[in-house]
mmCIF file of all heavy atoms, coordinates in Angstrom:
data_MODEL
# 
_entry.id   MODEL 
# 
loop_
_atom_site.group_PDB 
_atom_site.id 
_atom_site.type_symbol 
_atom_site.label_atom_id 
_atom_site.label_alt_id 
_atom_site.label_comp_id 
_atom_site.label_asym_id 
_atom_site.label_entity_id 
_atom_site.label_seq_id 
_atom_site.pdbx_PDB_ins_code 
_atom_site.Cartn_x 
_atom_site.Cartn_y 
_atom_site.Cartn_z 
_atom_site.occupancy 
_atom_site.B_iso_or_equiv 
_atom_site.pdbx_formal_charge 
_atom_site.auth_seq_id 
_atom_site.auth_comp_id 
_atom_site.auth_asym_id 
_atom_site.auth_atom_id 
_atom_site.pdbx_PDB_model_num 
ATOM 1   N N   . LEU A 1 1  ? 0.806   -1.173  0.017  1.00 0.00 ? 1  LEU A N   1 
ATOM 2   C CA  . LEU A 1 1  ? 0.032   -0.016  0.028  1.00 0.00 ? 1  LEU A CA  1 
ATOM 3   C C   . LEU A 1 1  ? 0.987   1.241   0.008  1.00 0.00 ? 1  LEU A C   1 
ATOM 4   O O   . LEU A 1 1  ? 1.619   1.472   0.992  1.00 0.00 ? 1  LEU A O   1 
ATOM 5   C CB  . LEU A 1 1  ? -0.882  0.011   1.198  1.00 0.00 ? 1  LEU A CB  1 
ATOM 6   C CG  . LEU A 1 1  ? -1.806  1.186   1.381  1.00 0.00 ? 1  LEU A CG  1 
ATOM 7   C CD1 . LEU A 1 1  ? -2.752  1.362   0.236  1.00 0.00 ? 1  LEU A CD1 1 
ATOM 8   C CD2 . LEU A 1 1  ? -2.652  1.082   2.742  1.00 0.00 ? 1  LEU A CD2 1 
ATOM 9   N N   . ASN A 1 2  ? 0.894   1.952   -1.056 1.00 0.00 ? 2  ASN A N   1 
ATOM 10  C CA  . ASN A 1 2  ? 1.743   3.052   -1.177 1.00 0.00 ? 2  ASN A CA  1 
ATOM 11  C C   . ASN A 1 2  ? 1.471   4.127   -0.239 1.00 0.00 ? 2  ASN A C   1 
ATOM 12  O O   . ASN A 1 2  ? 0.266   4.308   0.260  1.00 0.00 ? 2  ASN A O   1 
ATOM 13  C CB  . ASN A 1 2  ? 1.653   3.691   -2.615 1.00 0.00 ? 2  ASN A CB  1 
ATOM 14  C CG  . ASN A 1 2  ? 2.360   2.820   -3.722 1.00 0.00 ? 2  ASN A CG  1 
ATOM 15  O OD1 . ASN A 1 2  ? 2.989   1.837   -3.302 1.00 0.00 ? 2  ASN A OD1 1 
ATOM 16  N ND2 . ASN A 1 2  ? 2.237   3.199   -4.916 1.00 0.00 ? 2  ASN A ND2 1 
ATOM 17  N N   . PRO A 1 3  ? 2.511   5.004   0.226  1.00 0.00 ? 3  PRO A N   1 
ATOM 18  C CA  . PRO A 1 3  ? 2.136   6.127   1.138  1.00 0.00 ? 3  PRO A CA  1 
ATOM 19  C C   . PRO A 1 3  ? 1.012   6.985   0.604  1.00 0.00 ? 3  PRO A C   1 
ATOM 20  O O   . PRO A 1 3  ? 1.024   7.394   -0.522 1.00 0.00 ? 3  PRO A O   1 
ATOM 21  C CB  . PRO A 1 3  ? 3.541   6.826   1.208  1.00 0.00 ? 3  PRO A CB  1 
ATOM 22  C CG  . PRO A 1 3  ? 4.565   5.850   0.921  1.00 0.00 ? 3  PRO A CG  1 
ATOM 23  C CD  . PRO A 1 3  ? 3.916   4.935   -0.149 1.00 0.00 ? 3  PRO A CD  1 
ATOM 24  N N   . HIS A 1 4  ? 0.065   7.374   1.442  1.00 0.00 ? 4  HIS A N   1 
ATOM 25  C CA  . HIS A 1 4  ? -1.072  8.034   1.037  1.00 0.00 ? 4  HIS A CA  1 
ATOM 26  C C   . HIS A 1 4  ? -1.656  8.796   2.252  1.00 0.00 ? 4  HIS A C   1 
ATOM 27  O O   . HIS A 1 4  ? -1.289  8.540   3.392  1.00 0.00 ? 4  HIS A O   1 
ATOM 28  C CB  . HIS A 1 4  ? -2.077  7.143   0.495  1.00 0.00 ? 4  HIS A CB  1 
ATOM 29  C CG  . HIS A 1 4  ? -2.653  6.160   1.490  1.00 0.00 ? 4  HIS A CG  1 
ATOM 30  N ND1 . HIS A 1 4  ? -1.922  5.077   1.990  1.00 0.00 ? 4  HIS A ND1 1 
ATOM 31  C CD2 . HIS A 1 4  ? -3.906  6.139   2.091  1.00 0.00 ? 4  HIS A CD2 1 
ATOM 32  C CE1 . HIS A 1 4  ? -2.702  4.383   2.873  1.00 0.00 ? 4  HIS A CE1 1 
ATOM 33  N NE2 . HIS A 1 4  ? -3.848  5.048   2.979  1.00 0.00 ? 4  HIS A NE2 1 
ATOM 34  N N   . LEU A 1 5  ? -2.584  9.637   1.942  1.00 0.00 ? 5  LEU A N   1 
ATOM 35  C CA  . LEU A 1 5  ? -3.399  10.387  3.010  1.00 0.00 ? 5  LEU A CA  1 
ATOM 36  C C   . LEU A 1 5  ? -4.837  9.805   2.870  1.00 0.00 ? 5  LEU A C   1 
ATOM 37  O O   . LEU A 1 5  ? -5.393  9.524   1.731  1.00 0.00 ? 5  LEU A O   1 
ATOM 38  C CB  . LEU A 1 5  ? -3.497  11.857  2.791  1.00 0.00 ? 5  LEU A CB  1 
ATOM 39  C CG  . LEU A 1 5  ? -2.138  12.677  2.831  1.00 0.00 ? 5  LEU A CG  1 
ATOM 40  C CD1 . LEU A 1 5  ? -2.448  14.079  2.496  1.00 0.00 ? 5  LEU A CD1 1 
ATOM 41  C CD2 . LEU A 1 5  ? -1.557  12.503  4.198  1.00 0.00 ? 5  LEU A CD2 1 
ATOM 42  N N   . ASP A 1 6  ? -5.458  9.470   3.952  1.00 0.00 ? 6  ASP A N   1 
ATOM 43  C CA  . ASP A 1 6  ? -6.844  8.944   3.996  1.00 0.00 ? 6  ASP A CA  1 
ATOM 44  C C   . ASP A 1 6  ? -7.715  10.085  3.503  1.00 0.00 ? 6  ASP A C   1 
ATOM 45  O O   . ASP A 1 6  ? -7.468  11.322  3.840  1.00 0.00 ? 6  ASP A O   1 
ATOM 46  C CB  . ASP A 1 6  ? -7.271  8.497   5.359  1.00 0.00 ? 6  ASP A CB  1 
ATOM 47  C CG  . ASP A 1 6  ? -6.592  7.189   5.760  1.00 0.00 ? 6  ASP A CG  1 
ATOM 48  O OD1 . ASP A 1 6  ? -6.341  6.308   4.867  1.00 0.00 ? 6  ASP A OD1 1 
ATOM 49  O OD2 . ASP A 1 6  ? -6.331  6.942   7.027  1.00 0.00 ? 6  ASP A OD2 1 
ATOM 50  N N   . TYR A 1 7  ? -8.812  9.758   2.812  1.00 0.00 ? 7  TYR A N   1 
ATOM 51  C CA  . TYR A 1 7  ? -9.666  10.889  2.383  1.00 0.00 ? 7  TYR A CA  1 
ATOM 52  C C   . TYR A 1 7  ? -10.282 11.643  3.538  1.00 0.00 ? 7  TYR A C   1 
ATOM 53  O O   . TYR A 1 7  ? -10.382 10.974  4.598  1.00 0.00 ? 7  TYR A O   1 
ATOM 54  C CB  . TYR A 1 7  ? -10.718 10.309  1.396  1.00 0.00 ? 7  TYR A CB  1 
ATOM 55  C CG  . TYR A 1 7  ? -11.652 9.431   2.016  1.00 0.00 ? 7  TYR A CG  1 
ATOM 56  C CD1 . TYR A 1 7  ? -12.720 9.700   2.770  1.00 0.00 ? 7  TYR A CD1 1 
ATOM 57  C CD2 . TYR A 1 7  ? -11.527 8.032   1.639  1.00 0.00 ? 7  TYR A CD2 1 
ATOM 58  C CE1 . TYR A 1 7  ? -13.555 8.779   3.343  1.00 0.00 ? 7  TYR A CE1 1 
ATOM 59  C CE2 . TYR A 1 7  ? -12.392 7.099   2.157  1.00 0.00 ? 7  TYR A CE2 1 
ATOM 60  C CZ  . TYR A 1 7  ? -13.410 7.470   2.992  1.00 0.00 ? 7  TYR A CZ  1 
ATOM 61  O OH  . TYR A 1 7  ? -14.258 6.536   3.516  1.00 0.00 ? 7  TYR A OH  1 
ATOM 62  N N   . SER A 1 8  ? -10.562 12.875  3.364  1.00 0.00 ? 8  SER A N   1 
ATOM 63  C CA  . SER A 1 8  ? -10.949 13.716  4.452  1.00 0.00 ? 8  SER A CA  1 
ATOM 64  C C   . SER A 1 8  ? -12.453 13.572  4.772  1.00 0.00 ? 8  SER A C   1 
ATOM 65  O O   . SER A 1 8  ? -12.718 13.411  5.988  1.00 0.00 ? 8  SER A O   1 
ATOM 66  C CB  . SER A 1 8  ? -10.683 15.181  4.104  1.00 0.00 ? 8  SER A CB  1 
ATOM 67  O OG  . SER A 1 8  ? -11.068 16.091  5.112  1.00 0.00 ? 8  SER A OG  1 
ATOM 68  N N   . ARG A 1 9  ? -13.353 13.550  3.938  1.00 0.00 ? 9  ARG A N   1 
ATOM 69  C CA  . ARG A 1 9  ? -14.763 13.509  4.122  1.00 0.00 ? 9  ARG A CA  1 
ATOM 70  C C   . ARG A 1 9  ? -15.319 12.135  3.986  1.00 0.00 ? 9  ARG A C   1 
ATOM 71  O O   . ARG A 1 9  ? -15.026 11.493  2.945  1.00 0.00 ? 9  ARG A O   1 
ATOM 72  C CB  . ARG A 1 9  ? -15.549 14.491  3.305  1.00 0.00 ? 9  ARG A CB  1 
ATOM 73  C CG  . ARG A 1 9  ? -15.150 15.931  3.507  1.00 0.00 ? 9  ARG A CG  1 
ATOM 74  C CD  . ARG A 1 9  ? -15.592 16.472  4.933  1.00 0.00 ? 9  ARG A CD  1 
ATOM 75  N NE  . ARG A 1 9  ? -15.174 17.799  5.106  1.00 0.00 ? 9  ARG A NE  1 
ATOM 76  C CZ  . ARG A 1 9  ? -15.958 18.899  4.860  1.00 0.00 ? 9  ARG A CZ  1 
ATOM 77  N NH1 . ARG A 1 9  ? -17.236 18.700  4.392  1.00 0.00 ? 9  ARG A NH1 1 
ATOM 78  N NH2 . ARG A 1 9  ? -15.644 20.144  5.060  1.00 0.00 ? 9  ARG A NH2 1 
ATOM 79  N N   . HIS A 1 10 ? -16.211 11.660  4.892  1.00 0.00 ? 10 HIS A N   1 
ATOM 80  C CA  . HIS A 1 10 ? -16.912 10.435  4.811  1.00 0.00 ? 10 HIS A CA  1 
ATOM 81  C C   . HIS A 1 10 ? -17.855 10.604  3.584  1.00 0.00 ? 10 HIS A C   1 
ATOM 82  O O   . HIS A 1 10 ? -18.612 11.573  3.473  1.00 0.00 ? 10 HIS A O   1 
ATOM 83  C CB  . HIS A 1 10 ? -17.737 10.120  5.998  1.00 0.00 ? 10 HIS A CB  1 
ATOM 84  C CG  . HIS A 1 10 ? -18.204 8.743   6.051  1.00 0.00 ? 10 HIS A CG  1 
ATOM 85  N ND1 . HIS A 1 10 ? -19.453 8.369   5.403  1.00 0.00 ? 10 HIS A ND1 1 
ATOM 86  C CD2 . HIS A 1 10 ? -17.859 7.653   6.771  1.00 0.00 ? 10 HIS A CD2 1 
ATOM 87  C CE1 . HIS A 1 10 ? -19.621 7.107   5.621  1.00 0.00 ? 10 HIS A CE1 1 
ATOM 88  N NE2 . HIS A 1 10 ? -18.707 6.680   6.448  1.00 0.00 ? 10 HIS A NE2 1 
ATOM 89  N N   . PRO A 1 11 ? -17.900 9.583   2.621  1.00 0.00 ? 11 PRO A N   1 
ATOM 90  C CA  . PRO A 1 11 ? -18.770 9.794   1.446  1.00 0.00 ? 11 PRO A CA  1 
ATOM 91  C C   . PRO A 1 11 ? -20.154 9.856   1.659  1.00 0.00 ? 11 PRO A C   1 
ATOM 92  O O   . PRO A 1 11 ? -21.003 10.321  0.781  1.00 0.00 ? 11 PRO A O   1 
ATOM 93  C CB  . PRO A 1 11 ? -18.294 8.580   0.610  1.00 0.00 ? 11 PRO A CB  1 
ATOM 94  C CG  . PRO A 1 11 ? -17.844 7.584   1.569  1.00 0.00 ? 11 PRO A CG  1 
ATOM 95  C CD  . PRO A 1 11 ? -17.241 8.347   2.650  1.00 0.00 ? 11 PRO A CD  1 
ATOM 96  N N   . LYS A 1 12 ? -20.768 9.364   2.818  1.00 0.00 ? 12 LYS A N   1 
ATOM 97  C CA  . LYS A 1 12 ? -22.143 9.337   2.930  1.00 0.00 ? 12 LYS A CA  1 
ATOM 98  C C   . LYS A 1 12 ? -22.628 10.186  4.082  1.00 0.00 ? 12 LYS A C   1 
ATOM 99  O O   . LYS A 1 12 ? -23.675 10.713  4.079  1.00 0.00 ? 12 LYS A O   1 
ATOM 100 C CB  . LYS A 1 12 ? -22.538 7.856   3.183  1.00 0.00 ? 12 LYS A CB  1 
ATOM 101 C CG  . LYS A 1 12 ? -22.382 6.984   2.081  1.00 0.00 ? 12 LYS A CG  1 
ATOM 102 C CD  . LYS A 1 12 ? -22.995 5.637   2.297  1.00 0.00 ? 12 LYS A CD  1 
ATOM 103 C CE  . LYS A 1 12 ? -22.783 4.730   1.086  1.00 0.00 ? 12 LYS A CE  1 
ATOM 104 N NZ  . LYS A 1 12 ? -23.503 5.191   -0.167 1.00 0.00 ? 12 LYS A NZ  1 
ATOM 105 N N   . LEU A 1 13 ? -21.746 10.337  5.148  1.00 0.00 ? 13 LEU A N   1 
ATOM 106 C CA  . LEU A 1 13 ? -22.149 11.152  6.346  1.00 0.00 ? 13 LEU A CA  1 
ATOM 107 C C   . LEU A 1 13 ? -21.722 12.580  6.270  1.00 0.00 ? 13 LEU A C   1 
ATOM 108 O O   . LEU A 1 13 ? -22.268 13.437  7.077  1.00 0.00 ? 13 LEU A O   1 
ATOM 109 C CB  . LEU A 1 13 ? -21.573 10.429  7.614  1.00 0.00 ? 13 LEU A CB  1 
ATOM 110 C CG  . LEU A 1 13 ? -22.046 8.920   7.831  1.00 0.00 ? 13 LEU A CG  1 
ATOM 111 C CD1 . LEU A 1 13 ? -21.361 8.395   9.190  1.00 0.00 ? 13 LEU A CD1 1 
ATOM 112 C CD2 . LEU A 1 13 ? -23.503 8.942   8.047  1.00 0.00 ? 13 LEU A CD2 1 
ATOM 113 N N   . GLY A 1 14 ? -20.708 12.886  5.494  1.00 0.00 ? 14 GLY A N   1 
ATOM 114 C CA  . GLY A 1 14 ? -20.192 14.216  5.328  1.00 0.00 ? 14 GLY A CA  1 
ATOM 115 C C   . GLY A 1 14 ? -19.351 14.678  6.531  1.00 0.00 ? 14 GLY A C   1 
ATOM 116 O O   . GLY A 1 14 ? -18.948 15.814  6.661  1.00 0.00 ? 14 GLY A O   1 
ATOM 117 N N   . LEU A 1 15 ? -19.108 13.748  7.440  1.00 0.00 ? 15 LEU A N   1 
ATOM 118 C CA  . LEU A 1 15 ? -18.210 14.083  8.598  1.00 0.00 ? 15 LEU A CA  1 
ATOM 119 C C   . LEU A 1 15 ? -16.767 13.883  8.116  1.00 0.00 ? 15 LEU A C   1 
ATOM 120 O O   . LEU A 1 15 ? -16.511 13.270  7.106  1.00 0.00 ? 15 LEU A O   1 
ATOM 121 C CB  . LEU A 1 15 ? -18.491 13.165  9.712  1.00 0.00 ? 15 LEU A CB  1 
ATOM 122 C CG  . LEU A 1 15 ? -19.943 13.196  10.342 1.00 0.00 ? 15 LEU A CG  1 
ATOM 123 C CD1 . LEU A 1 15 ? -20.188 12.139  11.446 1.00 0.00 ? 15 LEU A CD1 1 
ATOM 124 C CD2 . LEU A 1 15 ? -20.077 14.542  10.965 1.00 0.00 ? 15 LEU A CD2 1 
ATOM 125 N N   . GLN A 1 16 ? -15.865 14.403  9.005  1.00 0.00 ? 16 GLN A N   1 
ATOM 126 C CA  . GLN A 1 16 ? -14.450 14.345  8.669  1.00 0.00 ? 16 GLN A CA  1 
ATOM 127 C C   . GLN A 1 16 ? -13.833 13.221  9.318  1.00 0.00 ? 16 GLN A C   1 
ATOM 128 O O   . GLN A 1 16 ? -14.021 12.899  10.597 1.00 0.00 ? 16 GLN A O   1 
ATOM 129 C CB  . GLN A 1 16 ? -13.754 15.588  9.145  1.00 0.00 ? 16 GLN A CB  1 
ATOM 130 C CG  . GLN A 1 16 ? -12.248 15.769  8.716  1.00 0.00 ? 16 GLN A CG  1 
ATOM 131 C CD  . GLN A 1 16 ? -11.686 17.092  9.213  1.00 0.00 ? 16 GLN A CD  1 
ATOM 132 O OE1 . GLN A 1 16 ? -12.295 17.836  9.873  1.00 0.00 ? 16 GLN A OE1 1 
ATOM 133 N NE2 . GLN A 1 16 ? -10.569 17.353  8.756  1.00 0.00 ? 16 GLN A NE2 1 
ATOM 134 N N   . ARG A 1 17 ? -12.972 12.372  8.659  1.00 0.00 ? 17 ARG A N   1 
ATOM 135 C CA  . ARG A 1 17 ? -12.232 11.398  9.275  1.00 0.00 ? 17 ARG A CA  1 
ATOM 136 C C   . ARG A 1 17 ? -11.213 11.977  10.248 1.00 0.00 ? 17 ARG A C   1 
ATOM 137 O O   . ARG A 1 17 ? -10.522 12.955  9.872  1.00 0.00 ? 17 ARG A O   1 
ATOM 138 C CB  . ARG A 1 17 ? -11.471 10.555  8.214  1.00 0.00 ? 17 ARG A CB  1 
ATOM 139 C CG  . ARG A 1 17 ? -12.217 9.408   7.639  1.00 0.00 ? 17 ARG A CG  1 
ATOM 140 C CD  . ARG A 1 17 ? -11.260 8.648   6.707  1.00 0.00 ? 17 ARG A CD  1 
ATOM 141 N NE  . ARG A 1 17 ? -11.870 7.408   6.192  1.00 0.00 ? 17 ARG A NE  1 
ATOM 142 C CZ  . ARG A 1 17 ? -11.336 6.572   5.411  1.00 0.00 ? 17 ARG A CZ  1 
ATOM 143 N NH1 . ARG A 1 17 ? -10.104 6.802   5.043  1.00 0.00 ? 17 ARG A NH1 1 
ATOM 144 N NH2 . ARG A 1 17 ? -11.844 5.498   5.035  1.00 0.00 ? 17 ARG A NH2 1 
ATOM 145 N N   . ARG A 1 18 ? -11.200 11.395  11.474 1.00 0.00 ? 18 ARG A N   1 
ATOM 146 C CA  . ARG A 1 18 ? -10.253 11.982  12.394 1.00 0.00 ? 18 ARG A CA  1 
ATOM 147 C C   . ARG A 1 18 ? -9.235  10.910  12.971 1.00 0.00 ? 18 ARG A C   1 
ATOM 148 O O   . ARG A 1 18 ? -7.943  11.246  13.069 1.00 0.00 ? 18 ARG A O   1 
ATOM 149 C CB  . ARG A 1 18 ? -10.989 12.508  13.601 1.00 0.00 ? 18 ARG A CB  1 
ATOM 150 C CG  . ARG A 1 18 ? -10.075 13.036  14.833 1.00 0.00 ? 18 ARG A CG  1 
ATOM 151 C CD  . ARG A 1 18 ? -9.308  14.274  14.294 1.00 0.00 ? 18 ARG A CD  1 
ATOM 152 N NE  . ARG A 1 18 ? -8.303  14.563  15.313 1.00 0.00 ? 18 ARG A NE  1 
ATOM 153 C CZ  . ARG A 1 18 ? -8.424  15.551  16.263 1.00 0.00 ? 18 ARG A CZ  1 
ATOM 154 N NH1 . ARG A 1 18 ? -9.524  16.146  16.424 1.00 0.00 ? 18 ARG A NH1 1 
ATOM 155 N NH2 . ARG A 1 18 ? -7.406  15.796  17.017 1.00 0.00 ? 18 ARG A NH2 1 
ATOM 156 N N   . LEU A 1 19 ? -9.679  9.690   13.222 1.00 0.00 ? 19 LEU A N   1 
ATOM 157 C CA  . LEU A 1 19 ? -8.743  8.671   13.806 1.00 0.00 ? 19 LEU A CA  1 
ATOM 158 C C   . LEU A 1 19 ? -8.842  7.362   12.972 1.00 0.00 ? 19 LEU A C   1 
ATOM 159 O O   . LEU A 1 19 ? -9.980  6.976   12.489 1.00 0.00 ? 19 LEU A O   1 
ATOM 160 C CB  . LEU A 1 19 ? -9.078  8.385   15.227 1.00 0.00 ? 19 LEU A CB  1 
ATOM 161 C CG  . LEU A 1 19 ? -9.110  9.531   16.266 1.00 0.00 ? 19 LEU A CG  1 
ATOM 162 C CD1 . LEU A 1 19 ? -9.479  8.947   17.624 1.00 0.00 ? 19 LEU A CD1 1 
ATOM 163 C CD2 . LEU A 1 19 ? -7.638  10.081  16.325 1.00 0.00 ? 19 LEU A CD2 1 
ATOM 164 N N   . ASN A 1 20 ? -7.781  6.671   12.958 1.00 0.00 ? 20 ASN A N   1 
ATOM 165 C CA  . ASN A 1 20 ? -7.776  5.267   12.378 1.00 0.00 ? 20 ASN A CA  1 
ATOM 166 C C   . ASN A 1 20 ? -7.148  4.344   13.417 1.00 0.00 ? 20 ASN A C   1 
ATOM 167 O O   . ASN A 1 20 ? -6.146  4.662   14.010 1.00 0.00 ? 20 ASN A O   1 
ATOM 168 C CB  . ASN A 1 20 ? -6.854  5.311   11.063 1.00 0.00 ? 20 ASN A CB  1 
ATOM 169 C CG  . ASN A 1 20 ? -6.923  3.924   10.391 1.00 0.00 ? 20 ASN A CG  1 
ATOM 170 O OD1 . ASN A 1 20 ? -7.620  3.000   10.798 1.00 0.00 ? 20 ASN A OD1 1 
ATOM 171 N ND2 . ASN A 1 20 ? -6.197  3.827   9.365  1.00 0.00 ? 20 ASN A ND2 1 
ATOM 172 N N   . LEU A 1 21 ? -7.911  3.296   13.819 1.00 0.00 ? 21 LEU A N   1 
ATOM 173 C CA  . LEU A 1 21 ? -7.499  2.319   14.689 1.00 0.00 ? 21 LEU A CA  1 
ATOM 174 C C   . LEU A 1 21 ? -7.301  1.008   13.965 1.00 0.00 ? 21 LEU A C   1 
ATOM 175 O O   . LEU A 1 21 ? -8.195  0.511   13.326 1.00 0.00 ? 21 LEU A O   1 
ATOM 176 C CB  . LEU A 1 21 ? -8.469  2.069   15.862 1.00 0.00 ? 21 LEU A CB  1 
ATOM 177 C CG  . LEU A 1 21 ? -8.126  0.928   16.855 1.00 0.00 ? 21 LEU A CG  1 
ATOM 178 C CD1 . LEU A 1 21 ? -6.824  1.176   17.615 1.00 0.00 ? 21 LEU A CD1 1 
ATOM 179 C CD2 . LEU A 1 21 ? -9.372  0.799   17.794 1.00 0.00 ? 21 LEU A CD2 1 
ATOM 180 N N   . ILE A 1 22 ? -6.071  0.445   14.046 1.00 0.00 ? 22 ILE A N   1 
ATOM 181 C CA  . ILE A 1 22 ? -5.736  -0.865  13.345 1.00 0.00 ? 22 ILE A CA  1 
ATOM 182 C C   . ILE A 1 22 ? -5.262  -1.790  14.352 1.00 0.00 ? 22 ILE A C   1 
ATOM 183 O O   . ILE A 1 22 ? -4.440  -1.503  15.335 1.00 0.00 ? 22 ILE A O   1 
ATOM 184 C CB  . ILE A 1 22 ? -4.596  -0.622  12.274 1.00 0.00 ? 22 ILE A CB  1 
ATOM 185 C CG1 . ILE A 1 22 ? -4.974  0.463   11.264 1.00 0.00 ? 22 ILE A CG1 1 
ATOM 186 C CG2 . ILE A 1 22 ? -4.278  -1.913  11.520 1.00 0.00 ? 22 ILE A CG2 1 
ATOM 187 C CD1 . ILE A 1 22 ? -3.762  0.891   10.338 1.00 0.00 ? 22 ILE A CD1 1 
ATOM 188 N N   . ILE A 1 23 ? -5.700  -3.082  14.222 1.00 0.00 ? 23 ILE A N   1 
ATOM 189 C CA  . ILE A 1 23 ? -5.323  -4.148  15.196 1.00 0.00 ? 23 ILE A CA  1 
ATOM 190 C C   . ILE A 1 23 ? -4.792  -5.265  14.314 1.00 0.00 ? 23 ILE A C   1 
ATOM 191 O O   . ILE A 1 23 ? -5.518  -5.845  13.448 1.00 0.00 ? 23 ILE A O   1 
ATOM 192 C CB  . ILE A 1 23 ? -6.505  -4.639  16.033 1.00 0.00 ? 23 ILE A CB  1 
ATOM 193 C CG1 . ILE A 1 23 ? -7.177  -3.463  16.748 1.00 0.00 ? 23 ILE A CG1 1 
ATOM 194 C CG2 . ILE A 1 23 ? -6.037  -5.649  17.021 1.00 0.00 ? 23 ILE A CG2 1 
ATOM 195 C CD1 . ILE A 1 23 ? -8.532  -3.779  17.313 1.00 0.00 ? 23 ILE A CD1 1 
ATOM 196 N N   . TYR A 1 24 ? -3.626  -5.712  14.573 1.00 0.00 ? 24 TYR A N   1 
ATOM 197 C CA  . TYR A 1 24 ? -2.904  -6.854  13.818 1.00 0.00 ? 24 TYR A CA  1 
ATOM 198 C C   . TYR A 1 24 ? -3.117  -8.112  14.475 1.00 0.00 ? 24 TYR A C   1 
ATOM 199 O O   . TYR A 1 24 ? -2.980  -8.315  15.696 1.00 0.00 ? 24 TYR A O   1 
ATOM 200 C CB  . TYR A 1 24 ? -1.414  -6.511  13.631 1.00 0.00 ? 24 TYR A CB  1 
ATOM 201 C CG  . TYR A 1 24 ? -1.160  -5.248  12.919 1.00 0.00 ? 24 TYR A CG  1 
ATOM 202 C CD1 . TYR A 1 24 ? -0.697  -4.102  13.584 1.00 0.00 ? 24 TYR A CD1 1 
ATOM 203 C CD2 . TYR A 1 24 ? -1.383  -5.169  11.530 1.00 0.00 ? 24 TYR A CD2 1 
ATOM 204 C CE1 . TYR A 1 24 ? -0.426  -2.889  12.925 1.00 0.00 ? 24 TYR A CE1 1 
ATOM 205 C CE2 . TYR A 1 24 ? -1.155  -3.965  10.874 1.00 0.00 ? 24 TYR A CE2 1 
ATOM 206 C CZ  . TYR A 1 24 ? -0.670  -2.846  11.532 1.00 0.00 ? 24 TYR A CZ  1 
ATOM 207 O OH  . TYR A 1 24 ? -0.447  -1.679  10.885 1.00 0.00 ? 24 TYR A OH  1 
ATOM 208 N N   . VAL A 1 25 ? -3.553  -9.073  13.698 1.00 0.00 ? 25 VAL A N   1 
ATOM 209 C CA  . VAL A 1 25 ? -4.004  -10.357 14.199 1.00 0.00 ? 25 VAL A CA  1 
ATOM 210 C C   . VAL A 1 25 ? -3.343  -11.626 13.590 1.00 0.00 ? 25 VAL A C   1 
ATOM 211 O O   . VAL A 1 25 ? -3.921  -12.675 13.559 1.00 0.00 ? 25 VAL A O   1 
ATOM 212 C CB  . VAL A 1 25 ? -5.469  -10.510 14.278 1.00 0.00 ? 25 VAL A CB  1 
ATOM 213 C CG1 . VAL A 1 25 ? -6.124  -9.489  15.080 1.00 0.00 ? 25 VAL A CG1 1 
ATOM 214 C CG2 . VAL A 1 25 ? -6.078  -10.368 12.823 1.00 0.00 ? 25 VAL A CG2 1 
# 
């Protein structure tokens, strides 16, 4: 996955992405 920025606005809710939580399993 190349370096990138997550998109800013949620496509359906119009809210702004703020946090990403990832859990490795």
